[in-house]
Amino acid sequence: MTQCLRLSNFTQLSEAELLMILERRNQPEVRQWMTNSEPIAPEDHLRFCARLKERPDTLMLFAEFNGQPASVITFHAKDPSWHEIADFGC
């Protein structure tokens, strides 16, 4: 069986895809590990995602494994030029 990993830039995702990600991020078992454990409002999530287009220091990727949502991967550069190693979050 061929296994497939697909990565999509958040800036290229549809509103429906972004809201699907938010639904999973707002699950209590996920929120409990976040700095702020309160659910994220849809309009805040969509505003944050829209601003990613203006952030040269941040790359957020949506990962699917064999067609199933798997993870969100974030790279945050030490500086906008990406000359320094980026922080990685998953």
PDB file of N, CA and C in Angstrom:
ATOM      1  N   MET A   1       0.833  -1.183   0.000  1.00  0.00           N
ATOM      2  CA  MET A   1       0.000   0.000   0.000  1.00  0.00           C
ATOM      3  C   MET A   1       0.877   1.246   0.000  1.00  0.00           C
ATOM      4  N   THR A   2       0.611   2.155  -0.903  1.00  0.00           N
ATOM      5  CA  THR A   2       1.342   3.409  -0.979  1.00  0.00           C
ATOM      6  C   THR A   2       0.815   4.367   0.082  1.00  0.00           C
ATOM      7  N   GLN A   3       1.721   4.957   0.828  1.00  0.00           N
ATOM      8  CA  GLN A   3       1.339   5.948   1.824  1.00  0.00           C
ATOM      9  C   GLN A   3       1.643   7.323   1.264  1.00  0.00           C
ATOM     10  N   CYS A   4       0.739   8.264   1.553  1.00  0.00           N
ATOM     11  CA  CYS A   4       0.876   9.585   0.964  1.00  0.00           C
ATOM     12  C   CYS A   4       0.764  10.660   2.048  1.00  0.00           C
ATOM     13  N   LEU A   5       1.725  11.559   2.058  1.00  0.00           N
ATOM     14  CA  LEU A   5       1.695  12.728   2.933  1.00  0.00           C
ATOM     15  C   LEU A   5       1.519  13.948   2.045  1.00  0.00           C
ATOM     16  N   ARG A   6       0.493  14.735   2.320  1.00  0.00           N
ATOM     17  CA  ARG A   6       0.221  15.950   1.551  1.00  0.00           C
ATOM     18  C   ARG A   6       0.294  17.132   2.496  1.00  0.00           C
ATOM     19  N   LEU A   7       1.080  18.143   2.114  1.00  0.00           N
ATOM     20  CA  LEU A   7       1.202  19.366   2.900  1.00  0.00           C
ATOM     21  C   LEU A   7       0.611  20.520   2.113  1.00  0.00           C
ATOM     22  N   SER A   8      -0.249  21.317   2.761  1.00  0.00           N
ATOM     23  CA  SER A   8      -0.867  22.473   2.117  1.00  0.00           C
ATOM     24  C   SER A   8      -0.601  23.716   2.950  1.00  0.00           C
ATOM     25  N   ASN A   9      -0.170  24.781   2.284  1.00  0.00           N
ATOM     26  CA  ASN A   9       0.055  26.056   2.945  1.00  0.00           C
ATOM     27  C   ASN A   9      -1.292  26.624   3.399  1.00  0.00           C
ATOM     28  N   PHE A  10      -1.369  27.070   4.643  1.00  0.00           N
ATOM     29  CA  PHE A  10      -2.606  27.651   5.167  1.00  0.00           C
ATOM     30  C   PHE A  10      -3.128  28.769   4.272  1.00  0.00           C
ATOM     31  N   THR A  11      -2.236  29.521   3.644  1.00  0.00           N
ATOM     32  CA  THR A  11      -2.674  30.653   2.821  1.00  0.00           C
ATOM     33  C   THR A  11      -3.388  30.198   1.553  1.00  0.00           C
ATOM     34  N   GLN A  12      -3.306  28.904   1.228  1.00  0.00           N
ATOM     35  CA  GLN A  12      -3.944  28.372   0.024  1.00  0.00           C
ATOM     36  C   GLN A  12      -5.207  27.572   0.336  1.00  0.00           C
ATOM     37  N   LEU A  13      -5.556  27.439   1.618  1.00  0.00           N
ATOM     38  CA  LEU A  13      -6.712  26.638   1.999  1.00  0.00           C
ATOM     39  C   LEU A  13      -8.008  27.431   1.863  1.00  0.00           C
ATOM     40  N   SER A  14      -9.088  26.722   1.615  1.00  0.00           N
ATOM     41  CA  SER A  14     -10.405  27.348   1.532  1.00  0.00           C
ATOM     42  C   SER A  14     -10.919  27.647   2.947  1.00  0.00           C
ATOM     43  N   GLU A  15     -11.931  28.492   3.018  1.00  0.00           N
ATOM     44  CA  GLU A  15     -12.538  28.797   4.317  1.00  0.00           C
ATOM     45  C   GLU A  15     -13.087  27.520   4.953  1.00  0.00           C
ATOM     46  N   ALA A  16     -13.684  26.640   4.162  1.00  0.00           N
ATOM     47  CA  ALA A  16     -14.224  25.382   4.689  1.00  0.00           C
ATOM     48  C   ALA A  16     -13.109  24.524   5.305  1.00  0.00           C
ATOM     49  N   GLU A  17     -11.958  24.471   4.646  1.00  0.00           N
ATOM     50  CA  GLU A  17     -10.835  23.695   5.191  1.00  0.00           C
ATOM     51  C   GLU A  17     -10.315  24.321   6.485  1.00  0.00           C
ATOM     52  N   LEU A  18     -10.213  25.649   6.499  1.00  0.00           N
ATOM     53  CA  LEU A  18      -9.743  26.334   7.713  1.00  0.00           C
ATOM     54  C   LEU A  18     -10.710  26.116   8.877  1.00  0.00           C
ATOM     55  N   LEU A  19     -12.000  26.120   8.605  1.00  0.00           N
ATOM     56  CA  LEU A  19     -12.983  25.894   9.666  1.00  0.00           C
ATOM     57  C   LEU A  19     -12.971  24.442  10.136  1.00  0.00           C
ATOM     58  N   MET A  20     -12.660  23.497   9.249  1.00  0.00           N
ATOM     59  CA  MET A  20     -12.518  22.101   9.649  1.00  0.00           C
ATOM     60  C   MET A  20     -11.329  21.947  10.598  1.00  0.00           C
ATOM     61  N   ILE A  21     -10.235  22.636  10.299  1.00  0.00           N
ATOM     62  CA  ILE A  21      -9.067  22.614  11.179  1.00  0.00           C
ATOM     63  C   ILE A  21      -9.433  23.216  12.530  1.00  0.00           C
ATOM     64  N   LEU A  22     -10.149  24.332  12.522  1.00  0.00           N
ATOM     65  CA  LEU A  22     -10.563  24.975  13.769  1.00  0.00           C
ATOM     66  C   LEU A  22     -11.430  24.041  14.604  1.00  0.00           C
ATOM     67  N   GLU A  23     -12.339  23.334  13.955  1.00  0.00           N
ATOM     68  CA  GLU A  23     -13.205  22.398  14.692  1.00  0.00           C
ATOM     69  C   GLU A  23     -12.362  21.389  15.469  1.00  0.00           C
ATOM     70  N   ARG A  24     -11.323  20.888  14.828  1.00  0.00           N
ATOM     71  CA  ARG A  24     -10.448  19.919  15.505  1.00  0.00           C
ATOM     72  C   ARG A  24      -9.599  20.603  16.579  1.00  0.00           C
ATOM     73  N   ARG A  25      -9.120  21.805  16.321  1.00  0.00           N
ATOM     74  CA  ARG A  25      -8.309  22.537  17.312  1.00  0.00           C
ATOM     75  C   ARG A  25      -9.120  22.895  18.550  1.00  0.00           C
ATOM     76  N   ASN A  26     -10.432  23.041  18.382  1.00  0.00           N
ATOM     77  CA  ASN A  26     -11.286  23.418  19.509  1.00  0.00           C
ATOM     78  C   ASN A  26     -11.782  22.226  20.325  1.00  0.00           C
ATOM     79  N   GLN A  27     -11.404  21.018  19.965  1.00  0.00           N
ATOM     80  CA  GLN A  27     -11.791  19.852  20.759  1.00  0.00           C
ATOM     81  C   GLN A  27     -11.136  19.950  22.145  1.00  0.00           C
ATOM     82  N   PRO A  28     -11.883  19.649  23.207  1.00  0.00           N
ATOM     83  CA  PRO A  28     -11.333  19.772  24.570  1.00  0.00           C
ATOM     84  C   PRO A  28     -10.025  19.006  24.775  1.00  0.00           C
ATOM     85  N   GLU A  29      -9.897  17.828  24.153  1.00  0.00           N
ATOM     86  CA  GLU A  29      -8.669  17.046  24.341  1.00  0.00           C
ATOM     87  C   GLU A  29      -7.462  17.694  23.667  1.00  0.00           C
ATOM     88  N   VAL A  30      -7.704  18.595  22.723  1.00  0.00           N
ATOM     89  CA  VAL A  30      -6.625  19.361  22.091  1.00  0.00           C
ATOM     90  C   VAL A  30      -6.384  20.649  22.875  1.00  0.00           C
ATOM     91  N   ARG A  31      -7.443  21.371  23.194  1.00  0.00           N
ATOM     92  CA  ARG A  31      -7.331  22.664  23.880  1.00  0.00           C
ATOM     93  C   ARG A  31      -6.635  22.534  25.226  1.00  0.00           C
ATOM     94  N   GLN A  32      -6.779  21.388  25.890  1.00  0.00           N
ATOM     95  CA  GLN A  32      -6.189  21.241  27.219  1.00  0.00           C
ATOM     96  C   GLN A  32      -4.669  21.421  27.212  1.00  0.00           C
ATOM     97  N   TRP A  33      -4.018  21.223  26.075  1.00  0.00           N
ATOM     98  CA  TRP A  33      -2.567  21.335  25.982  1.00  0.00           C
ATOM     99  C   TRP A  33      -2.108  22.710  25.506  1.00  0.00           C
ATOM    100  N   MET A  34      -3.041  23.594  25.219  1.00  0.00           N
ATOM    101  CA  MET A  34      -2.711  24.921  24.712  1.00  0.00           C
ATOM    102  C   MET A  34      -2.497  25.907  25.863  1.00  0.00           C
ATOM    103  N   THR A  35      -1.718  26.955  25.593  1.00  0.00           N
ATOM    104  CA  THR A  35      -1.503  28.006  26.577  1.00  0.00           C
ATOM    105  C   THR A  35      -2.837  28.610  27.000  1.00  0.00           C
ATOM    106  N   ASN A  36      -3.695  28.889  26.026  1.00  0.00           N
ATOM    107  CA  ASN A  36      -5.049  29.367  26.288  1.00  0.00           C
ATOM    108  C   ASN A  36      -5.987  28.218  25.947  1.00  0.00           C
ATOM    109  N   SER A  37      -6.623  27.635  26.958  1.00  0.00           N
ATOM    110  CA  SER A  37      -7.455  26.452  26.727  1.00  0.00           C
ATOM    111  C   SER A  37      -8.889  26.782  26.308  1.00  0.00           C
ATOM    112  N   GLU A  38      -9.220  28.071  26.222  1.00  0.00           N
ATOM    113  CA  GLU A  38     -10.554  28.471  25.766  1.00  0.00           C
ATOM    114  C   GLU A  38     -10.695  28.206  24.266  1.00  0.00           C
ATOM    115  N   PRO A  39     -11.902  27.845  23.811  1.00  0.00           N
ATOM    116  CA  PRO A  39     -12.113  27.645  22.375  1.00  0.00           C
ATOM    117  C   PRO A  39     -11.818  28.927  21.585  1.00  0.00           C
ATOM    118  N   ILE A  40     -11.379  28.747  20.354  1.00  0.00           N
ATOM    119  CA  ILE A  40     -11.065  29.861  19.467  1.00  0.00           C
ATOM    120  C   ILE A  40     -12.321  30.195  18.660  1.00  0.00           C
ATOM    121  N   ALA A  41     -12.678  31.471  18.602  1.00  0.00           N
ATOM    122  CA  ALA A  41     -13.839  31.900  17.817  1.00  0.00           C
ATOM    123  C   ALA A  41     -13.523  31.785  16.324  1.00  0.00           C
ATOM    124  N   PRO A  42     -14.490  31.355  15.519  1.00  0.00           N
ATOM    125  CA  PRO A  42     -14.241  31.208  14.076  1.00  0.00           C
ATOM    126  C   PRO A  42     -13.707  32.479  13.423  1.00  0.00           C
ATOM    127  N   GLU A  43     -14.264  33.648  13.782  1.00  0.00           N
ATOM    128  CA  GLU A  43     -13.798  34.883  13.148  1.00  0.00           C
ATOM    129  C   GLU A  43     -12.350  35.205  13.540  1.00  0.00           C
ATOM    130  N   ASP A  44     -11.946  34.861  14.763  1.00  0.00           N
ATOM    131  CA  ASP A  44     -10.549  35.070  15.177  1.00  0.00           C
ATOM    132  C   ASP A  44      -9.615  34.142  14.398  1.00  0.00           C
ATOM    133  N   HIS A  45     -10.029  32.901  14.239  1.00  0.00           N
ATOM    134  CA  HIS A  45      -9.224  31.920  13.507  1.00  0.00           C
ATOM    135  C   HIS A  45      -9.051  32.339  12.042  1.00  0.00           C
ATOM    136  N   LEU A  46     -10.141  32.732  11.410  1.00  0.00           N
ATOM    137  CA  LEU A  46     -10.073  33.143  10.000  1.00  0.00           C
ATOM    138  C   LEU A  46      -9.248  34.416   9.830  1.00  0.00           C
ATOM    139  N   ARG A  47      -9.353  35.343  10.770  1.00  0.00           N
ATOM    140  CA  ARG A  47      -8.554  36.579  10.720  1.00  0.00           C
ATOM    141  C   ARG A  47      -7.068  36.247  10.850  1.00  0.00           C
ATOM    142  N   PHE A  48      -6.729  35.377  11.798  1.00  0.00           N
ATOM    143  CA  PHE A  48      -5.342  34.959  11.979  1.00  0.00           C
ATOM    144  C   PHE A  48      -4.802  34.311  10.702  1.00  0.00           C
ATOM    145  N   CYS A  49      -5.586  33.409  10.115  1.00  0.00           N
ATOM    146  CA  CYS A  49      -5.148  32.709   8.906  1.00  0.00           C
ATOM    147  C   CYS A  49      -4.968  33.678   7.739  1.00  0.00           C
ATOM    148  N   ALA A  50      -5.865  34.660   7.615  1.00  0.00           N
ATOM    149  CA  ALA A  50      -5.746  35.653   6.536  1.00  0.00           C
ATOM    150  C   ALA A  50      -4.477  36.477   6.699  1.00  0.00           C
ATOM    151  N   ARG A  51      -4.101  36.771   7.923  1.00  0.00           N
ATOM    152  CA  ARG A  51      -2.893  37.577   8.177  1.00  0.00           C
ATOM    153  C   ARG A  51      -1.603  36.819   7.882  1.00  0.00           C
ATOM    154  N   LEU A  52      -1.678  35.506   7.767  1.00  0.00           N
ATOM    155  CA  LEU A  52      -0.477  34.734   7.438  1.00  0.00           C
ATOM    156  C   LEU A  52       0.110  35.142   6.090  1.00  0.00           C
ATOM    157  N   LYS A  53      -0.734  35.650   5.187  1.00  0.00           N
ATOM    158  CA  LYS A  53      -0.251  36.101   3.881  1.00  0.00           C
ATOM    159  C   LYS A  53       0.687  37.294   4.011  1.00  0.00           C
ATOM    160  N   GLU A  54       0.595  38.016   5.127  1.00  0.00           N
ATOM    161  CA  GLU A  54       1.422  39.200   5.363  1.00  0.00           C
ATOM    162  C   GLU A  54       2.611  38.896   6.276  1.00  0.00           C
ATOM    163  N   ARG A  55       2.810  37.639   6.647  1.00  0.00           N
ATOM    164  CA  ARG A  55       3.853  37.264   7.609  1.00  0.00           C
ATOM    165  C   ARG A  55       4.967  36.484   6.914  1.00  0.00           C
ATOM    166  N   PRO A  56       6.010  37.161   6.485  1.00  0.00           N
ATOM    167  CA  PRO A  56       7.097  36.451   5.812  1.00  0.00           C
ATOM    168  C   PRO A  56       7.905  35.555   6.756  1.00  0.00           C
ATOM    169  N   ASP A  57       7.697  35.704   8.073  1.00  0.00           N
ATOM    170  CA  ASP A  57       8.456  34.926   9.047  1.00  0.00           C
ATOM    171  C   ASP A  57       7.747  33.647   9.488  1.00  0.00           C
ATOM    172  N   THR A  58       6.538  33.396   8.981  1.00  0.00           N
ATOM    173  CA  THR A  58       5.759  32.254   9.448  1.00  0.00           C
ATOM    174  C   THR A  58       5.210  31.447   8.276  1.00  0.00           C
ATOM    175  N   LEU A  59       5.376  30.136   8.367  1.00  0.00           N
ATOM    176  CA  LEU A  59       4.819  29.212   7.392  1.00  0.00           C
ATOM    177  C   LEU A  59       4.017  28.175   8.169  1.00  0.00           C
ATOM    178  N   MET A  60       2.715  28.104   7.899  1.00  0.00           N
ATOM    179  CA  MET A  60       1.863  27.101   8.536  1.00  0.00           C
ATOM    180  C   MET A  60       1.376  26.143   7.466  1.00  0.00           C
ATOM    181  N   LEU A  61       1.527  24.861   7.744  1.00  0.00           N
ATOM    182  CA  LEU A  61       1.156  23.817   6.804  1.00  0.00           C
ATOM    183  C   LEU A  61       0.121  22.889   7.431  1.00  0.00           C
ATOM    184  N   PHE A  62      -0.839  22.476   6.620  1.00  0.00           N
ATOM    185  CA  PHE A  62      -1.827  21.487   7.009  1.00  0.00           C
ATOM    186  C   PHE A  62      -1.377  20.161   6.428  1.00  0.00           C
ATOM    187  N   ALA A  63      -1.202  19.165   7.285  1.00  0.00           N
ATOM    188  CA  ALA A  63      -0.717  17.855   6.852  1.00  0.00           C
ATOM    189  C   ALA A  63      -1.857  16.851   6.821  1.00  0.00           C
ATOM    190  N   GLU A  64      -1.945  16.131   5.695  1.00  0.00           N
ATOM    191  CA  GLU A  64      -2.885  15.027   5.555  1.00  0.00           C
ATOM    192  C   GLU A  64      -2.074  13.765   5.287  1.00  0.00           C
ATOM    193  N   PHE A  65      -2.428  12.686   5.939  1.00  0.00           N
ATOM    194  CA  PHE A  65      -1.769  11.403   5.729  1.00  0.00           C
ATOM    195  C   PHE A  65      -2.804  10.429   5.184  1.00  0.00           C
ATOM    196  N   ASN A  66      -2.548   9.934   3.987  1.00  0.00           N
ATOM    197  CA  ASN A  66      -3.486   9.035   3.299  1.00  0.00           C
ATOM    198  C   ASN A  66      -4.885   9.633   3.226  1.00  0.00           C
ATOM    199  N   GLY A  67      -4.960  10.951   2.960  1.00  0.00           N
ATOM    200  CA  GLY A  67      -6.239  11.619   2.783  1.00  0.00           C
ATOM    201  C   GLY A  67      -6.949  12.009   4.066  1.00  0.00           C
ATOM    202  N   GLN A  68      -6.352  11.721   5.207  1.00  0.00           N
ATOM    203  CA  GLN A  68      -6.964  12.044   6.490  1.00  0.00           C
ATOM    204  C   GLN A  68      -6.209  13.192   7.162  1.00  0.00           C
ATOM    205  N   PRO A  69      -6.929  14.155   7.756  1.00  0.00           N
ATOM    206  CA  PRO A  69      -6.241  15.228   8.479  1.00  0.00           C
ATOM    207  C   PRO A  69      -5.325  14.639   9.544  1.00  0.00           C
ATOM    208  N   ALA A  70      -4.087  15.119   9.583  1.00  0.00           N
ATOM    209  CA  ALA A  70      -3.110  14.542  10.501  1.00  0.00           C
ATOM    210  C   ALA A  70      -2.520  15.556  11.469  1.00  0.00           C
ATOM    211  N   SER A  71      -2.197  16.770  10.993  1.00  0.00           N
ATOM    212  CA  SER A  71      -1.482  17.698  11.855  1.00  0.00           C
ATOM    213  C   SER A  71      -1.426  19.077  11.223  1.00  0.00           C
ATOM    214  N   VAL A  72      -1.083  20.039  12.044  1.00  0.00           N
ATOM    215  CA  VAL A  72      -0.717  21.371  11.581  1.00  0.00           C
ATOM    216  C   VAL A  72       0.745  21.548  11.952  1.00  0.00           C
ATOM    217  N   ILE A  73       1.531  21.962  11.003  1.00  0.00           N
ATOM    218  CA  ILE A  73       2.970  22.150  11.214  1.00  0.00           C
ATOM    219  C   ILE A  73       3.276  23.631  11.029  1.00  0.00           C
ATOM    220  N   THR A  74       3.983  24.203  11.982  1.00  0.00           N
ATOM    221  CA  THR A  74       4.299  25.628  11.937  1.00  0.00           C
ATOM    222  C   THR A  74       5.809  25.828  11.969  1.00  0.00           C
ATOM    223  N   PHE A  75       6.292  26.655  11.061  1.00  0.00           N
ATOM    224  CA  PHE A  75       7.681  27.095  11.074  1.00  0.00           C
ATOM    225  C   PHE A  75       7.665  28.599  11.320  1.00  0.00           C
ATOM    226  N   HIS A  76       8.380  29.033  12.318  1.00  0.00           N
ATOM    227  CA  HIS A  76       8.472  30.465  12.615  1.00  0.00           C
ATOM    228  C   HIS A  76       9.944  30.844  12.572  1.00  0.00           C
ATOM    229  N   ALA A  77      10.324  31.628  11.563  1.00  0.00           N
ATOM    230  CA  ALA A  77      11.723  32.004  11.367  1.00  0.00           C
ATOM    231  C   ALA A  77      12.190  32.970  12.448  1.00  0.00           C
ATOM    232  N   LYS A  78      13.441  32.892  12.768  1.00  0.00           N
ATOM    233  CA  LYS A  78      14.029  33.826  13.737  1.00  0.00           C
ATOM    234  C   LYS A  78      14.034  35.244  13.184  1.00  0.00           C
ATOM    235  N   ASP A  79      14.108  35.358  11.858  1.00  0.00           N
ATOM    236  CA  ASP A  79      14.022  36.662  11.195  1.00  0.00           C
ATOM    237  C   ASP A  79      13.345  36.447   9.839  1.00  0.00           C
ATOM    238  N   PRO A  80      12.712  37.478   9.286  1.00  0.00           N
ATOM    239  CA  PRO A  80      11.951  37.318   8.033  1.00  0.00           C
ATOM    240  C   PRO A  80      12.774  36.830   6.840  1.00  0.00           C
ATOM    241  N   SER A  81      14.095  36.940   6.896  1.00  0.00           N
ATOM    242  CA  SER A  81      14.917  36.490   5.766  1.00  0.00           C
ATOM    243  C   SER A  81      15.106  34.972   5.758  1.00  0.00           C
ATOM    244  N   TRP A  82      14.760  34.322   6.832  1.00  0.00           N
ATOM    245  CA  TRP A  82      14.941  32.882   7.006  1.00  0.00           C
ATOM    246  C   TRP A  82      16.416  32.482   6.998  1.00  0.00           C
ATOM    247  N   HIS A  83      17.307  33.410   7.308  1.00  0.00           N
ATOM    248  CA  HIS A  83      18.734  33.080   7.375  1.00  0.00           C
ATOM    249  C   HIS A  83      19.087  32.368   8.676  1.00  0.00           C
ATOM    250  N   GLU A  84      18.230  32.515   9.682  1.00  0.00           N
ATOM    251  CA  GLU A  84      18.425  31.814  10.946  1.00  0.00           C
ATOM    252  C   GLU A  84      17.470  30.627  10.976  1.00  0.00           C
ATOM    253  N   ILE A  85      17.805  29.628  11.757  1.00  0.00           N
ATOM    254  CA  ILE A  85      16.974  28.439  11.845  1.00  0.00           C
ATOM    255  C   ILE A  85      15.596  28.795  12.405  1.00  0.00           C
ATOM    256  N   ALA A  86      14.580  28.198  11.845  1.00  0.00           N
ATOM    257  CA  ALA A  86      13.212  28.447  12.269  1.00  0.00           C
ATOM    258  C   ALA A  86      12.827  27.539  13.432  1.00  0.00           C
ATOM    259  N   ASP A  87      11.925  28.042  14.288  1.00  0.00           N
ATOM    260  CA  ASP A  87      11.313  27.207  15.324  1.00  0.00           C
ATOM    261  C   ASP A  87      10.272  26.337  14.655  1.00  0.00           C
ATOM    262  N   PHE A  88      10.133  25.124  15.121  1.00  0.00           N
ATOM    263  CA  PHE A  88       9.189  24.174  14.549  1.00  0.00           C
ATOM    264  C   PHE A  88       8.136  23.830  15.577  1.00  0.00           C
ATOM    265  N   GLY A  89       6.902  23.856  15.176  1.00  0.00           N
ATOM    266  CA  GLY A  89       5.815  23.450  16.077  1.00  0.00           C
ATOM    267  C   GLY A  89       4.893  22.492  15.363  1.00  0.00           C
ATOM    268  N   CYS A  90       4.339  21.576  16.099  1.00  0.00           N
ATOM    269  CA  CYS A  90       3.454  20.589  15.492  1.00  0.00           C
ATOM    270  C   CYS A  90       2.246  20.395  16.397  1.00  0.00           C
TER     271      CYS A  90
END
